[in-house]
């Protein structure tokens, strides 16, 4: 019985590390797209709250990246 428990714990660790890797990857991609949006489209007059500052643009991009992570979405059970 202990062998089954050890295998189950190892499976959980493997799944968690995959999930953490996906979240981190999408966070970095989102932050990169946020900065690219600031750099290419940005608002230099200061009237646009998101694109006038690179930090806010990066943070919003990272947030969108996290929300788009496939491992965080619930699967449809039809």
N, C-alpha and C. Protein backbone atom coordinates (compact mmCIF):
# COMPACT_ATOMS: atom_id res chain seq x y z
N UNK A 1 0.81 -1.20 0.00
CA UNK A 1 0.00 0.00 0.00
C UNK A 1 0.86 1.27 0.00
N UNK A 2 2.02 1.22 0.65
CA UNK A 2 2.88 2.40 0.70
C UNK A 2 3.45 2.73 -0.68
N UNK A 3 3.67 1.72 -1.49
CA UNK A 3 4.18 1.95 -2.84
C UNK A 3 3.20 2.76 -3.68
N UNK A 4 1.92 2.50 -3.49
CA UNK A 4 0.88 3.23 -4.20
C UNK A 4 0.86 4.69 -3.74
N UNK A 5 1.00 4.91 -2.44
CA UNK A 5 1.00 6.26 -1.89
C UNK A 5 2.20 7.05 -2.40
N UNK A 6 3.37 6.42 -2.45
CA UNK A 6 4.57 7.09 -2.94
C UNK A 6 4.40 7.44 -4.42
N UNK A 7 3.86 6.53 -5.19
CA UNK A 7 3.64 6.79 -6.62
C UNK A 7 2.64 7.93 -6.80
N UNK A 8 1.61 7.97 -5.96
CA UNK A 8 0.62 9.04 -6.05
C UNK A 8 1.24 10.39 -5.71
N UNK A 9 2.07 10.44 -4.69
CA UNK A 9 2.74 11.68 -4.30
C UNK A 9 3.67 12.14 -5.43
N UNK A 10 4.40 11.23 -6.04
CA UNK A 10 5.28 11.59 -7.15
C UNK A 10 4.48 12.12 -8.34
N UNK A 11 3.33 11.54 -8.61
CA UNK A 11 2.47 11.99 -9.69
C UNK A 11 1.97 13.42 -9.42
N UNK A 12 1.58 13.69 -8.19
CA UNK A 12 1.12 15.03 -7.82
C UNK A 12 2.25 16.04 -7.97
N UNK A 13 3.45 15.69 -7.55
CA UNK A 13 4.60 16.59 -7.68
C UNK A 13 4.88 16.90 -9.15
N UNK A 14 4.81 15.88 -10.00
CA UNK A 14 5.07 16.07 -11.43
C UNK A 14 4.01 16.98 -12.05
N UNK A 15 2.75 16.76 -11.69
CA UNK A 15 1.67 17.59 -12.24
C UNK A 15 1.80 19.03 -11.75
N UNK A 16 2.16 19.22 -10.49
CA UNK A 16 2.29 20.56 -9.94
C UNK A 16 3.43 21.31 -10.61
N UNK A 17 4.56 20.63 -10.84
CA UNK A 17 5.68 21.31 -11.47
C UNK A 17 5.36 21.68 -12.92
N UNK A 18 4.59 20.84 -13.62
CA UNK A 18 4.16 21.18 -14.98
C UNK A 18 3.25 22.40 -14.97
N UNK A 19 2.33 22.44 -14.01
CA UNK A 19 1.40 23.55 -13.91
C UNK A 19 2.15 24.84 -13.59
N UNK A 20 3.09 24.76 -12.66
CA UNK A 20 3.87 25.93 -12.29
C UNK A 20 4.69 26.42 -13.48
N UNK A 21 5.25 25.50 -14.26
CA UNK A 21 6.02 25.88 -15.44
C UNK A 21 5.13 26.59 -16.46
N UNK A 22 3.93 26.07 -16.69
CA UNK A 22 3.01 26.71 -17.64
C UNK A 22 2.61 28.11 -17.19
N UNK A 23 2.30 28.25 -15.91
CA UNK A 23 1.91 29.56 -15.39
C UNK A 23 3.06 30.55 -15.54
N UNK A 24 4.27 30.12 -15.20
CA UNK A 24 5.43 30.99 -15.32
C UNK A 24 5.69 31.35 -16.77
N UNK A 25 5.58 30.40 -17.67
CA UNK A 25 5.79 30.67 -19.08
C UNK A 25 4.80 31.69 -19.61
N UNK A 26 3.51 31.50 -19.31
CA UNK A 26 2.50 32.43 -19.78
C UNK A 26 2.63 33.79 -19.11
N UNK A 27 3.08 33.84 -17.86
CA UNK A 27 3.31 35.11 -17.18
C UNK A 27 4.41 35.88 -17.90
N UNK A 28 5.50 35.23 -18.23
CA UNK A 28 6.61 35.89 -18.93
C UNK A 28 6.19 36.32 -20.33
N UNK A 29 5.44 35.47 -21.02
CA UNK A 29 4.97 35.84 -22.36
C UNK A 29 4.03 37.04 -22.29
N UNK A 30 3.12 37.05 -21.33
CA UNK A 30 2.20 38.16 -21.17
C UNK A 30 2.92 39.46 -20.85
N UNK A 31 3.90 39.38 -19.95
CA UNK A 31 4.68 40.56 -19.61
C UNK A 31 5.45 41.08 -20.82
N UNK A 32 5.97 40.17 -21.62
CA UNK A 32 6.69 40.58 -22.83
C UNK A 32 5.76 41.26 -23.83
N UNK A 33 4.58 40.69 -24.00
CA UNK A 33 3.61 41.32 -24.90
C UNK A 33 3.13 42.67 -24.35
N UNK A 34 3.02 42.78 -23.04
CA UNK A 34 2.65 44.06 -22.43
C UNK A 34 3.70 45.12 -22.71
N UNK A 35 4.97 44.77 -22.58
CA UNK A 35 6.03 45.73 -22.88
C UNK A 35 6.07 46.06 -24.37
N UNK A 36 5.89 45.04 -25.20
CA UNK A 36 5.89 45.29 -26.64
C UNK A 36 4.74 46.22 -27.02
N UNK A 37 3.60 46.05 -26.39
CA UNK A 37 2.47 46.93 -26.66
C UNK A 37 2.79 48.36 -26.23
N UNK A 38 3.42 48.51 -25.07
CA UNK A 38 3.83 49.84 -24.61
C UNK A 38 4.82 50.46 -25.60
N UNK A 39 5.79 49.67 -26.03
CA UNK A 39 6.85 50.19 -26.89
C UNK A 39 6.33 50.53 -28.29
N UNK A 40 5.47 49.67 -28.85
CA UNK A 40 5.02 49.86 -30.23
C UNK A 40 3.79 50.76 -30.35
N UNK A 41 2.87 50.68 -29.40
CA UNK A 41 1.61 51.41 -29.51
C UNK A 41 1.51 52.53 -28.50
N UNK A 42 2.19 52.41 -27.39
CA UNK A 42 2.09 53.26 -26.21
C UNK A 42 1.60 54.69 -26.41
N UNK A 43 1.08 55.25 -25.37
CA UNK A 43 0.53 56.60 -25.35
C UNK A 43 1.54 57.49 -24.63
N UNK A 44 2.12 58.44 -25.32
CA UNK A 44 3.19 59.26 -24.74
C UNK A 44 2.67 60.54 -24.10
N UNK A 45 1.41 60.86 -24.27
CA UNK A 45 0.88 62.09 -23.68
C UNK A 45 0.58 61.91 -22.19
N UNK A 46 0.47 60.67 -21.74
CA UNK A 46 0.19 60.41 -20.34
C UNK A 46 -1.28 60.29 -20.01
N UNK A 47 -2.15 60.38 -21.01
CA UNK A 47 -3.58 60.31 -20.74
C UNK A 47 -4.12 58.88 -20.73
N UNK A 48 -3.37 57.96 -21.28
CA UNK A 48 -3.80 56.55 -21.30
C UNK A 48 -3.25 55.86 -20.04
N UNK A 49 -4.11 55.36 -19.17
CA UNK A 49 -3.63 54.84 -17.90
C UNK A 49 -2.77 53.57 -18.00
N UNK A 50 -3.00 52.75 -19.01
CA UNK A 50 -2.25 51.50 -19.11
C UNK A 50 -0.99 51.67 -19.95
N UNK A 51 -1.11 52.27 -21.09
CA UNK A 51 0.01 52.30 -22.03
C UNK A 51 0.95 53.48 -21.86
N UNK A 52 0.67 54.41 -20.96
CA UNK A 52 1.57 55.54 -20.79
C UNK A 52 2.74 55.20 -19.87
N UNK A 53 2.65 54.10 -19.13
CA UNK A 53 3.70 53.70 -18.21
C UNK A 53 4.09 52.26 -18.50
N UNK A 54 5.40 51.98 -18.69
CA UNK A 54 5.79 50.60 -19.02
C UNK A 54 5.49 49.60 -17.90
N UNK A 55 5.56 50.04 -16.65
CA UNK A 55 5.33 49.12 -15.53
C UNK A 55 3.88 48.64 -15.53
N UNK A 56 2.94 49.55 -15.69
CA UNK A 56 1.53 49.13 -15.70
C UNK A 56 1.22 48.28 -16.92
N UNK A 57 1.84 48.60 -18.04
CA UNK A 57 1.62 47.81 -19.24
C UNK A 57 2.15 46.39 -19.06
N UNK A 58 3.31 46.25 -18.43
CA UNK A 58 3.88 44.93 -18.17
C UNK A 58 3.01 44.16 -17.17
N UNK A 59 2.54 44.83 -16.13
CA UNK A 59 1.70 44.16 -15.13
C UNK A 59 0.38 43.69 -15.72
N UNK A 60 -0.25 44.53 -16.52
CA UNK A 60 -1.50 44.12 -17.16
C UNK A 60 -1.25 42.96 -18.14
N UNK A 61 -0.14 43.02 -18.87
CA UNK A 61 0.19 41.92 -19.78
C UNK A 61 0.43 40.62 -19.03
N UNK A 62 1.12 40.71 -17.89
CA UNK A 62 1.38 39.51 -17.08
C UNK A 62 0.07 38.95 -16.53
N UNK A 63 -0.82 39.82 -16.10
CA UNK A 63 -2.12 39.36 -15.59
C UNK A 63 -2.92 38.65 -16.68
N UNK A 64 -2.93 39.22 -17.87
CA UNK A 64 -3.63 38.58 -18.99
C UNK A 64 -2.97 37.25 -19.32
N UNK A 65 -1.64 37.19 -19.27
CA UNK A 65 -0.93 35.93 -19.52
C UNK A 65 -1.31 34.85 -18.53
N UNK A 66 -1.43 35.22 -17.25
CA UNK A 66 -1.82 34.25 -16.23
C UNK A 66 -3.25 33.78 -16.48
N UNK A 67 -4.12 34.71 -16.82
CA UNK A 67 -5.52 34.33 -17.06
C UNK A 67 -5.68 33.44 -18.29
N UNK A 68 -4.76 33.52 -19.22
CA UNK A 68 -4.84 32.71 -20.43
C UNK A 68 -4.13 31.37 -20.30
N UNK A 69 -3.56 31.08 -19.16
CA UNK A 69 -2.85 29.82 -18.96
C UNK A 69 -3.82 28.65 -19.10
N UNK A 70 -3.52 27.72 -20.00
CA UNK A 70 -4.44 26.59 -20.22
C UNK A 70 -4.62 25.69 -18.99
N UNK A 71 -3.62 25.58 -18.16
CA UNK A 71 -3.73 24.66 -17.02
C UNK A 71 -4.62 25.19 -15.92
N UNK A 72 -5.00 26.48 -15.96
CA UNK A 72 -5.86 27.04 -14.95
C UNK A 72 -7.33 26.98 -15.32
N UNK A 73 -7.61 26.72 -16.59
CA UNK A 73 -9.00 26.65 -17.04
C UNK A 73 -9.60 25.32 -16.65
N UNK A 74 -10.89 25.34 -16.33
CA UNK A 74 -11.60 24.10 -16.03
C UNK A 74 -11.99 23.42 -17.33
N UNK A 75 -11.89 22.12 -17.34
CA UNK A 75 -12.26 21.37 -18.54
C UNK A 75 -13.77 21.16 -18.55
N UNK A 76 -14.33 21.24 -19.74
CA UNK A 76 -15.77 21.00 -19.88
C UNK A 76 -16.05 19.51 -19.71
N UNK A 77 -17.04 19.20 -18.94
CA UNK A 77 -17.41 17.79 -18.75
C UNK A 77 -18.77 17.56 -19.40
N UNK A 78 -18.74 17.25 -20.68
CA UNK A 78 -19.98 17.00 -21.42
C UNK A 78 -20.25 15.53 -21.52
